Amino acid sequence: MPVSVKDEVYAEYGITHHSAGQYEVDHLISLELGGSNDIANLWPEAASPTPGFHQKDQVENYLHDQVCSGKMDLRTAQTKIATDWLSVYKQMGSSY
């Protein structure tokens, strides 16, 4: 993703300064679950406190695996990650 897009996302959320690794410009609905790079699907996600962006990445992988294995339909996975990914994180266990 271009730096200009990342800068736009940070500006949208009022973040004018940050340290490297403090935030990740993340997709509300991940690309692997059919999300887009549209600015409306992007937000700055903090690394800490945990769970932060590293843990959300694990949720993205878990939901992707659930959809690809047929255990969950795509719409359900999209809804879960967009509305309450923390609940998914707490339920999925430590395998991701």
PDB file of N, CA and C in Angstrom:
ATOM      1  N   MET A   1       0.850  -1.161   0.000  1.00  0.00           N
ATOM      2  CA  MET A   1       0.000   0.000   0.000  1.00  0.00           C
ATOM      3  C   MET A   1       0.906   1.237   0.000  1.00  0.00           C
ATOM      4  N   PRO A   2       0.609   2.201  -0.851  1.00  0.00           N
ATOM      5  CA  PRO A   2       1.464   3.394  -0.948  1.00  0.00           C
ATOM      6  C   PRO A   2       1.493   4.204   0.355  1.00  0.00           C
ATOM      7  N   VAL A   3       2.618   4.830   0.608  1.00  0.00           N
ATOM      8  CA  VAL A   3       2.777   5.661   1.797  1.00  0.00           C
ATOM      9  C   VAL A   3       1.730   6.768   1.812  1.00  0.00           C
ATOM     10  N   SER A   4       1.381   7.288   0.647  1.00  0.00           N
ATOM     11  CA  SER A   4       0.385   8.362   0.587  1.00  0.00           C
ATOM     12  C   SER A   4      -0.966   7.902   1.133  1.00  0.00           C
ATOM     13  N   VAL A   5      -1.332   6.652   0.884  1.00  0.00           N
ATOM     14  CA  VAL A   5      -2.591   6.113   1.408  1.00  0.00           C
ATOM     15  C   VAL A   5      -2.484   5.955   2.920  1.00  0.00           C
ATOM     16  N   LYS A   6      -1.363   5.435   3.382  1.00  0.00           N
ATOM     17  CA  LYS A   6      -1.161   5.290   4.828  1.00  0.00           C
ATOM     18  C   LYS A   6      -1.246   6.650   5.516  1.00  0.00           C
ATOM     19  N   ASP A   7      -0.603   7.653   4.922  1.00  0.00           N
ATOM     20  CA  ASP A   7      -0.648   8.997   5.494  1.00  0.00           C
ATOM     21  C   ASP A   7      -2.074   9.527   5.546  1.00  0.00           C
ATOM     22  N   GLU A   8      -2.858   9.241   4.516  1.00  0.00           N
ATOM     23  CA  GLU A   8      -4.257   9.665   4.484  1.00  0.00           C
ATOM     24  C   GLU A   8      -5.053   8.999   5.612  1.00  0.00           C
ATOM     25  N   VAL A   9      -4.803   7.719   5.832  1.00  0.00           N
ATOM     26  CA  VAL A   9      -5.496   6.998   6.905  1.00  0.00           C
ATOM     27  C   VAL A   9      -5.133   7.601   8.260  1.00  0.00           C
ATOM     28  N   TYR A  10      -3.849   7.810   8.502  1.00  0.00           N
ATOM     29  CA  TYR A  10      -3.437   8.406   9.775  1.00  0.00           C
ATOM     30  C   TYR A  10      -4.090   9.775   9.963  1.00  0.00           C
ATOM     31  N   ALA A  11      -4.120  10.578   8.914  1.00  0.00           N
ATOM     32  CA  ALA A  11      -4.730  11.908   8.997  1.00  0.00           C
ATOM     33  C   ALA A  11      -6.223  11.813   9.306  1.00  0.00           C
ATOM     34  N   GLU A  12      -6.905  10.842   8.694  1.00  0.00           N
ATOM     35  CA  GLU A  12      -8.345  10.652   8.940  1.00  0.00           C
ATOM     36  C   GLU A  12      -8.627  10.390  10.418  1.00  0.00           C
ATOM     37  N   TYR A  13      -7.691   9.754  11.095  1.00  0.00           N
ATOM     38  CA  TYR A  13      -7.864   9.407  12.506  1.00  0.00           C
ATOM     39  C   TYR A  13      -7.135  10.373  13.446  1.00  0.00           C
ATOM     40  N   GLY A  14      -6.613  11.463  12.898  1.00  0.00           N
ATOM     41  CA  GLY A  14      -5.982  12.485  13.726  1.00  0.00           C
ATOM     42  C   GLY A  14      -4.624  12.113  14.276  1.00  0.00           C
ATOM     43  N   ILE A  15      -3.969  11.140  13.669  1.00  0.00           N
ATOM     44  CA  ILE A  15      -2.638  10.724  14.122  1.00  0.00           C
ATOM     45  C   ILE A  15      -1.608  11.480  13.294  1.00  0.00           C
ATOM     46  N   THR A  16      -0.911  12.399  13.950  1.00  0.00           N
ATOM     47  CA  THR A  16       0.059  13.226  13.230  1.00  0.00           C
ATOM     48  C   THR A  16       1.490  12.745  13.419  1.00  0.00           C
ATOM     49  N   HIS A  17       1.753  12.066  14.515  1.00  0.00           N
ATOM     50  CA  HIS A  17       3.096  11.527  14.780  1.00  0.00           C
ATOM     51  C   HIS A  17       2.960  10.141  15.402  1.00  0.00           C
ATOM     52  N   HIS A  18       3.856   9.256  15.012  1.00  0.00           N
ATOM     53  CA  HIS A  18       3.885   7.927  15.618  1.00  0.00           C
ATOM     54  C   HIS A  18       5.247   7.309  15.388  1.00  0.00           C
ATOM     55  N   SER A  19       5.597   6.392  16.244  1.00  0.00           N
ATOM     56  CA  SER A  19       6.865   5.672  16.124  1.00  0.00           C
ATOM     57  C   SER A  19       6.706   4.509  15.162  1.00  0.00           C
ATOM     58  N   ALA A  20       7.816   4.110  14.550  1.00  0.00           N
ATOM     59  CA  ALA A  20       7.797   2.937  13.669  1.00  0.00           C
ATOM     60  C   ALA A  20       7.341   1.731  14.471  1.00  0.00           C
ATOM     61  N   GLY A  21       6.396   0.986  13.932  1.00  0.00           N
ATOM     62  CA  GLY A  21       5.893  -0.204  14.599  1.00  0.00           C
ATOM     63  C   GLY A  21       4.800   0.046  15.622  1.00  0.00           C
ATOM     64  N   GLN A  22       4.494   1.313  15.876  1.00  0.00           N
ATOM     65  CA  GLN A  22       3.444   1.634  16.849  1.00  0.00           C
ATOM     66  C   GLN A  22       2.061   1.318  16.290  1.00  0.00           C
ATOM     67  N   TYR A  23       1.881   1.561  14.997  1.00  0.00           N
ATOM     68  CA  TYR A  23       0.621   1.299  14.311  1.00  0.00           C
ATOM     69  C   TYR A  23       0.878   0.533  13.025  1.00  0.00           C
ATOM     70  N   GLU A  24      -0.179  -0.091  12.539  1.00  0.00           N
ATOM     71  CA  GLU A  24      -0.199  -0.691  11.210  1.00  0.00           C
ATOM     72  C   GLU A  24      -1.492  -0.201  10.558  1.00  0.00           C
ATOM     73  N   VAL A  25      -1.389   0.265   9.321  1.00  0.00           N
ATOM     74  CA  VAL A  25      -2.618   0.582   8.602  1.00  0.00           C
ATOM     75  C   VAL A  25      -3.209  -0.755   8.188  1.00  0.00           C
ATOM     76  N   ASP A  26      -4.353  -1.060   8.759  1.00  0.00           N
ATOM     77  CA  ASP A  26      -4.945  -2.383   8.612  1.00  0.00           C
ATOM     78  C   ASP A  26      -6.273  -2.305   7.884  1.00  0.00           C
ATOM     79  N   HIS A  27      -6.664  -3.422   7.334  1.00  0.00           N
ATOM     80  CA  HIS A  27      -7.962  -3.556   6.674  1.00  0.00           C
ATOM     81  C   HIS A  27      -8.991  -3.992   7.708  1.00  0.00           C
ATOM     82  N   LEU A  28     -10.109  -3.297   7.755  1.00  0.00           N
ATOM     83  CA  LEU A  28     -11.194  -3.725   8.633  1.00  0.00           C
ATOM     84  C   LEU A  28     -11.603  -5.144   8.250  1.00  0.00           C
ATOM     85  N   ILE A  29     -11.900  -5.344   6.974  1.00  0.00           N
ATOM     86  CA  ILE A  29     -12.103  -6.692   6.423  1.00  0.00           C
ATOM     87  C   ILE A  29     -10.871  -6.984   5.581  1.00  0.00           C
ATOM     88  N   SER A  30     -10.124  -7.993   5.957  1.00  0.00           N
ATOM     89  CA  SER A  30      -8.845  -8.289   5.313  1.00  0.00           C
ATOM     90  C   SER A  30      -9.014  -8.627   3.835  1.00  0.00           C
ATOM     91  N   LEU A  31      -7.947  -8.418   3.090  1.00  0.00           N
ATOM     92  CA  LEU A  31      -7.966  -8.735   1.658  1.00  0.00           C
ATOM     93  C   LEU A  31      -8.287 -10.203   1.430  1.00  0.00           C
ATOM     94  N   GLU A  32      -7.763 -11.075   2.278  1.00  0.00           N
ATOM     95  CA  GLU A  32      -7.990 -12.512   2.110  1.00  0.00           C
ATOM     96  C   GLU A  32      -9.428 -12.925   2.389  1.00  0.00           C
ATOM     97  N   LEU A  33     -10.210 -12.006   2.989  1.00  0.00           N
ATOM     98  CA  LEU A  33     -11.638 -12.266   3.209  1.00  0.00           C
ATOM     99  C   LEU A  33     -12.503 -11.398   2.298  1.00  0.00           C
ATOM    100  N   GLY A  34     -11.898 -10.873   1.242  1.00  0.00           N
ATOM    101  CA  GLY A  34     -12.652 -10.112   0.253  1.00  0.00           C
ATOM    102  C   GLY A  34     -12.725  -8.624   0.504  1.00  0.00           C
ATOM    103  N   GLY A  35     -11.971  -8.118   1.474  1.00  0.00           N
ATOM    104  CA  GLY A  35     -11.940  -6.686   1.735  1.00  0.00           C
ATOM    105  C   GLY A  35     -11.176  -5.952   0.643  1.00  0.00           C
ATOM    106  N   SER A  36     -11.262  -4.638   0.661  1.00  0.00           N
ATOM    107  CA  SER A  36     -10.617  -3.838  -0.382  1.00  0.00           C
ATOM    108  C   SER A  36      -9.595  -2.884   0.229  1.00  0.00           C
ATOM    109  N   ASN A  37      -8.860  -2.218  -0.650  1.00  0.00           N
ATOM    110  CA  ASN A  37      -7.920  -1.187  -0.234  1.00  0.00           C
ATOM    111  C   ASN A  37      -8.577   0.188  -0.185  1.00  0.00           C
ATOM    112  N   ASP A  38      -9.899   0.233  -0.284  1.00  0.00           N
ATOM    113  CA  ASP A  38     -10.627   1.490  -0.201  1.00  0.00           C
ATOM    114  C   ASP A  38     -10.383   2.130   1.162  1.00  0.00           C
ATOM    115  N   ILE A  39     -10.260   3.431   1.182  1.00  0.00           N
ATOM    116  CA  ILE A  39      -9.959   4.146   2.422  1.00  0.00           C
ATOM    117  C   ILE A  39     -10.989   3.858   3.518  1.00  0.00           C
ATOM    118  N   ALA A  40     -12.216   3.568   3.129  1.00  0.00           N
ATOM    119  CA  ALA A  40     -13.265   3.261   4.113  1.00  0.00           C
ATOM    120  C   ALA A  40     -13.028   1.924   4.812  1.00  0.00           C
ATOM    121  N   ASN A  41     -12.176   1.071   4.242  1.00  0.00           N
ATOM    122  CA  ASN A  41     -11.874  -0.236   4.826  1.00  0.00           C
ATOM    123  C   ASN A  41     -10.520  -0.240   5.544  1.00  0.00           C
ATOM    124  N   LEU A  42      -9.916   0.924   5.697  1.00  0.00           N
ATOM    125  CA  LEU A  42      -8.596   1.023   6.307  1.00  0.00           C
ATOM    126  C   LEU A  42      -8.660   1.825   7.599  1.00  0.00           C
ATOM    127  N   TRP A  43      -7.835   1.419   8.553  1.00  0.00           N
ATOM    128  CA  TRP A  43      -7.756   2.135   9.824  1.00  0.00           C
ATOM    129  C   TRP A  43      -6.402   1.874  10.465  1.00  0.00           C
ATOM    130  N   PRO A  44      -5.929   2.805  11.307  1.00  0.00           N
ATOM    131  CA  PRO A  44      -4.659   2.585  12.001  1.00  0.00           C
ATOM    132  C   PRO A  44      -4.896   1.719  13.238  1.00  0.00           C
ATOM    133  N   GLU A  45      -4.224   0.601  13.276  1.00  0.00           N
ATOM    134  CA  GLU A  45      -4.381  -0.308  14.408  1.00  0.00           C
ATOM    135  C   GLU A  45      -3.087  -0.337  15.210  1.00  0.00           C
ATOM    136  N   ALA A  46      -3.209  -0.172  16.498  1.00  0.00           N
ATOM    137  CA  ALA A  46      -2.045  -0.129  17.383  1.00  0.00           C
ATOM    138  C   ALA A  46      -1.490  -1.529  17.641  1.00  0.00           C
ATOM    139  N   ALA A  47      -0.192  -1.576  17.900  1.00  0.00           N
ATOM    140  CA  ALA A  47       0.444  -2.847  18.274  1.00  0.00           C
ATOM    141  C   ALA A  47       0.155  -3.177  19.731  1.00  0.00           C
ATOM    142  N   SER A  48       0.078  -2.144  20.561  1.00  0.00           N
ATOM    143  CA  SER A  48      -0.215  -2.361  21.972  1.00  0.00           C
ATOM    144  C   SER A  48      -1.183  -1.292  22.443  1.00  0.00           C
ATOM    145  N   PRO A  49      -1.965  -1.601  23.438  1.00  0.00           N
ATOM    146  CA  PRO A  49      -1.901  -2.814  24.238  1.00  0.00           C
ATOM    147  C   PRO A  49      -2.385  -4.024  23.445  1.00  0.00           C
ATOM    148  N   THR A  50      -1.952  -5.181  23.876  1.00  0.00           N
ATOM    149  CA  THR A  50      -2.405  -6.398  23.221  1.00  0.00           C
ATOM    150  C   THR A  50      -3.775  -6.772  23.758  1.00  0.00           C
ATOM    151  N   PRO A  51      -4.602  -7.375  22.973  1.00  0.00           N
ATOM    152  CA  PRO A  51      -4.339  -7.744  21.592  1.00  0.00           C
ATOM    153  C   PRO A  51      -4.344  -6.525  20.671  1.00  0.00           C
ATOM    154  N   GLY A  52      -3.377  -6.526  19.771  1.00  0.00           N
ATOM    155  CA  GLY A  52      -3.204  -5.455  18.801  1.00  0.00           C
ATOM    156  C   GLY A  52      -3.147  -6.018  17.402  1.00  0.00           C
ATOM    157  N   PHE A  53      -2.424  -5.304  16.526  1.00  0.00           N
ATOM    158  CA  PHE A  53      -2.455  -5.724  15.124  1.00  0.00           C
ATOM    159  C   PHE A  53      -1.827  -7.087  14.874  1.00  0.00           C
ATOM    160  N   HIS A  54      -0.867  -7.482  15.684  1.00  0.00           N
ATOM    161  CA  HIS A  54      -0.285  -8.820  15.487  1.00  0.00           C
ATOM    162  C   HIS A  54      -1.327  -9.913  15.741  1.00  0.00           C
ATOM    163  N   GLN A  55      -2.117  -9.714  16.772  1.00  0.00           N
ATOM    164  CA  GLN A  55      -3.146 -10.700  17.104  1.00  0.00           C
ATOM    165  C   GLN A  55      -4.290 -10.674  16.080  1.00  0.00           C
ATOM    166  N   LYS A  56      -4.619  -9.489  15.561  1.00  0.00           N
ATOM    167  CA  LYS A  56      -5.663  -9.428  14.532  1.00  0.00           C
ATOM    168  C   LYS A  56      -5.201 -10.171  13.278  1.00  0.00           C
ATOM    169  N   ASP A  57      -3.906 -10.103  12.972  1.00  0.00           N
ATOM    170  CA  ASP A  57      -3.372 -10.869  11.839  1.00  0.00           C
ATOM    171  C   ASP A  57      -3.636 -12.364  12.028  1.00  0.00           C
ATOM    172  N   GLN A  58      -3.505 -12.844  13.249  1.00  0.00           N
ATOM    173  CA  GLN A  58      -3.788 -14.254  13.536  1.00  0.00           C
ATOM    174  C   GLN A  58      -5.261 -14.570  13.301  1.00  0.00           C
ATOM    175  N   VAL A  59      -6.132 -13.650  13.691  1.00  0.00           N
ATOM    176  CA  VAL A  59      -7.570 -13.836  13.469  1.00  0.00           C
ATOM    177  C   VAL A  59      -7.866 -13.884  11.972  1.00  0.00           C
ATOM    178  N   GLU A  60      -7.222 -13.017  11.203  1.00  0.00           N
ATOM    179  CA  GLU A  60      -7.407 -13.019   9.749  1.00  0.00           C
ATOM    180  C   GLU A  60      -7.033 -14.374   9.159  1.00  0.00           C
ATOM    181  N   ASN A  61      -5.901 -14.920   9.588  1.00  0.00           N
ATOM    182  CA  ASN A  61      -5.464 -16.229   9.090  1.00  0.00           C
ATOM    183  C   ASN A  61      -6.433 -17.333   9.497  1.00  0.00           C
ATOM    184  N   TYR A  62      -6.877 -17.282  10.741  1.00  0.00           N
ATOM    185  CA  TYR A  62      -7.825 -18.275  11.244  1.00  0.00           C
ATOM    186  C   TYR A  62      -9.127 -18.238  10.443  1.00  0.00           C
ATOM    187  N   LEU A  63      -9.699 -17.046  10.265  1.00  0.00           N
ATOM    188  CA  LEU A  63     -10.964 -16.945   9.533  1.00  0.00           C
ATOM    189  C   LEU A  63     -10.797 -17.353   8.072  1.00  0.00           C
ATOM    190  N   HIS A  64      -9.672 -17.006   7.480  1.00  0.00           N
ATOM    191  CA  HIS A  64      -9.392 -17.432   6.106  1.00  0.00           C
ATOM    192  C   HIS A  64      -9.386 -18.955   6.019  1.00  0.00           C
ATOM    193  N   ASP A  65      -8.717 -19.597   6.955  1.00  0.00           N
ATOM    194  CA  ASP A  65      -8.682 -21.064   6.982  1.00  0.00           C
ATOM    195  C   ASP A  65     -10.077 -21.653   7.181  1.00  0.00           C
ATOM    196  N   GLN A  66     -10.877 -21.027   8.038  1.00  0.00           N
ATOM    197  CA  GLN A  66     -12.240 -21.507   8.280  1.00  0.00           C
ATOM    198  C   GLN A  66     -13.082 -21.440   7.006  1.00  0.00           C
ATOM    199  N   VAL A  67     -12.955 -20.344   6.270  1.00  0.00           N
ATOM    200  CA  VAL A  67     -13.712 -20.181   5.021  1.00  0.00           C
ATOM    201  C   VAL A  67     -13.231 -21.182   3.975  1.00  0.00           C
ATOM    202  N   CYS A  68     -11.918 -21.287   3.811  1.00  0.00           N
ATOM    203  CA  CYS A  68     -11.372 -22.181   2.777  1.00  0.00           C
ATOM    204  C   CYS A  68     -11.658 -23.652   3.058  1.00  0.00           C
ATOM    205  N   SER A  69     -11.792 -24.009   4.317  1.00  0.00           N
ATOM    206  CA  SER A  69     -12.082 -25.403   4.665  1.00  0.00           C
ATOM    207  C   SER A  69     -13.582 -25.695   4.655  1.00  0.00           C
ATOM    208  N   GLY A  70     -14.393 -24.664   4.434  1.00  0.00           N
ATOM    209  CA  GLY A  70     -15.839 -24.849   4.397  1.00  0.00           C
ATOM    210  C   GLY A  70     -16.502 -24.866   5.762  1.00  0.00           C
ATOM    211  N   LYS A  71     -15.743 -24.565   6.804  1.00  0.00           N
ATOM    212  CA  LYS A  71     -16.306 -24.568   8.157  1.00  0.00           C
ATOM    213  C   LYS A  71     -17.093 -23.293   8.468  1.00  0.00           C
ATOM    214  N   MET A  72     -16.883 -22.249   7.647  1.00  0.00           N
ATOM    215  CA  MET A  72     -17.573 -20.980   7.858  1.00  0.00           C
ATOM    216  C   MET A  72     -17.791 -20.336   6.496  1.00  0.00           C
ATOM    217  N   ASP A  73     -18.948 -19.707   6.315  1.00  0.00           N
ATOM    218  CA  ASP A  73     -19.165 -19.029   5.038  1.00  0.00           C
ATOM    219  C   ASP A  73     -18.500 -17.650   5.075  1.00  0.00           C
ATOM    220  N   LEU A  74     -18.223 -17.127   3.897  1.00  0.00           N
ATOM    221  CA  LEU A  74     -17.480 -15.877   3.766  1.00  0.00           C
ATOM    222  C   LEU A  74     -18.185 -14.718   4.458  1.00  0.00           C
ATOM    223  N   ARG A  75     -19.477 -14.585   4.280  1.00  0.00           N
ATOM    224  CA  ARG A  75     -20.230 -13.472   4.875  1.00  0.00           C
ATOM    225  C   ARG A  75     -20.104 -13.489   6.403  1.00  0.00           C
ATOM    226  N   THR A  76     -20.183 -14.658   7.002  1.00  0.00           N
ATOM    227  CA  THR A  76     -20.046 -14.764   8.458  1.00  0.00           C
ATOM    228  C   THR A  76     -18.653 -14.332   8.898  1.00  0.00           C
ATOM    229  N   ALA A  77     -17.633 -14.778   8.184  1.00  0.00           N
ATOM    230  CA  ALA A  77     -16.259 -14.402   8.522  1.00  0.00           C
ATOM    231  C   ALA A  77     -16.063 -12.893   8.399  1.00  0.00           C
ATOM    232  N   GLN A  78     -16.606 -12.301   7.346  1.00  0.00           N
ATOM    233  CA  GLN A  78     -16.496 -10.852   7.163  1.00  0.00           C
ATOM    234  C   GLN A  78     -17.180 -10.105   8.301  1.00  0.00           C
ATOM    235  N   THR A  79     -18.342 -10.571   8.689  1.00  0.00           N
ATOM    236  CA  THR A  79     -19.076  -9.927   9.778  1.00  0.00           C
ATOM    237  C   THR A  79     -18.313 -10.047  11.090  1.00  0.00           C
ATOM    238  N   LYS A  80     -17.773 -11.226  11.358  1.00  0.00           N
ATOM    239  CA  LYS A  80     -17.042 -11.448  12.608  1.00  0.00           C
ATOM    240  C   LYS A  80     -15.816 -10.543  12.706  1.00  0.00           C
ATOM    241  N   ILE A  81     -15.059 -10.429  11.618  1.00  0.00           N
ATOM    242  CA  ILE A  81     -13.841  -9.630  11.700  1.00  0.00           C
ATOM    243  C   ILE A  81     -14.154  -8.141  11.744  1.00  0.00           C
ATOM    244  N   ALA A  82     -15.243  -7.741  11.106  1.00  0.00           N
ATOM    245  CA  ALA A  82     -15.591  -6.320  11.074  1.00  0.00           C
ATOM    246  C   ALA A  82     -16.266  -5.843  12.351  1.00  0.00           C
ATOM    247  N   THR A  83     -16.954  -6.734  13.044  1.00  0.00           N
ATOM    248  CA  THR A  83     -17.737  -6.283  14.193  1.00  0.00           C
ATOM    249  C   THR A  83     -17.140  -6.645  15.549  1.00  0.00           C
ATOM    250  N   ASP A  84     -16.408  -7.761  15.644  1.00  0.00           N
ATOM    251  CA  ASP A  84     -15.883  -8.157  16.956  1.00  0.00           C
ATOM    252  C   ASP A  84     -14.767  -9.189  16.821  1.00  0.00           C
ATOM    253  N   TRP A  85     -13.658  -8.774  16.210  1.00  0.00           N
ATOM    254  CA  TRP A  85     -12.562  -9.711  16.013  1.00  0.00           C
ATOM    255  C   TRP A  85     -11.972 -10.169  17.345  1.00  0.00           C
ATOM    256  N   LEU A  86     -12.105  -9.360  18.396  1.00  0.00           N
ATOM    257  CA  LEU A  86     -11.560  -9.758  19.699  1.00  0.00           C
ATOM    258  C   LEU A  86     -12.231 -11.017  20.240  1.00  0.00           C
ATOM    259  N   SER A  87     -13.520 -11.148  20.021  1.00  0.00           N
ATOM    260  CA  SER A  87     -14.217 -12.370  20.459  1.00  0.00           C
ATOM    261  C   SER A  87     -13.684 -13.587  19.722  1.00  0.00           C
ATOM    262  N   VAL A  88     -13.435 -13.435  18.433  1.00  0.00           N
ATOM    263  CA  VAL A  88     -12.870 -14.536  17.646  1.00  0.00           C
ATOM    264  C   VAL A  88     -11.493 -14.888  18.199  1.00  0.00           C
ATOM    265  N   TYR A  89     -10.687 -13.881  18.481  1.00  0.00           N
ATOM    266  CA  TYR A  89      -9.345 -14.102  19.023  1.00  0.00           C
ATOM    267  C   TYR A  89      -9.398 -14.910  20.320  1.00  0.00           C
ATOM    268  N   LYS A  90     -10.317 -14.550  21.194  1.00  0.00           N
ATOM    269  CA  LYS A  90     -10.437 -15.233  22.485  1.00  0.00           C
ATOM    270  C   LYS A  90     -10.914 -16.675  22.330  1.00  0.00           C
ATOM    271  N   GLN A  91     -11.695 -16.950  21.289  1.00  0.00           N
ATOM    272  CA  GLN A  91     -12.268 -18.282  21.092  1.00  0.00           C
ATOM    273  C   GLN A  91     -11.402 -19.217  20.261  1.00  0.00           C
ATOM    274  N   MET A  92     -10.493 -18.695  19.460  1.00  0.00           N
ATOM    275  CA  MET A  92      -9.818 -19.540  18.471  1.00  0.00           C
ATOM    276  C   MET A  92      -8.687 -20.390  19.026  1.00  0.00           C
ATOM    277  N   GLY A  93      -8.220 -20.109  20.213  1.00  0.00           N
ATOM    278  CA  GLY A  93      -7.143 -20.916  20.766  1.00  0.00           C
ATOM    279  C   GLY A  93      -5.781 -20.418  20.323  1.00  0.00           C
ATOM    280  N   SER A  94      -4.752 -21.144  20.638  1.00  0.00           N
ATOM    281  CA  SER A  94      -3.379 -20.688  20.403  1.00  0.00           C
ATOM    282  C   SER A  94      -2.719 -21.305  19.181  1.00  0.00           C
ATOM    283  N   SER A  95      -3.480 -21.916  18.296  1.00  0.00           N
ATOM    284  CA  SER A  95      -2.877 -22.597  17.148  1.00  0.00           C
ATOM    285  C   SER A  95      -2.486 -21.649  16.026  1.00  0.00           C
ATOM    286  N   TYR A  96      -2.790 -20.371  16.144  1.00  0.00           N
ATOM    287  CA  TYR A  96      -2.444 -19.418  15.101  1.00  0.00           C
ATOM    288  C   TYR A  96      -1.479 -18.398  15.638  1.00  0.00           C
TER     289      TYR A  96
END
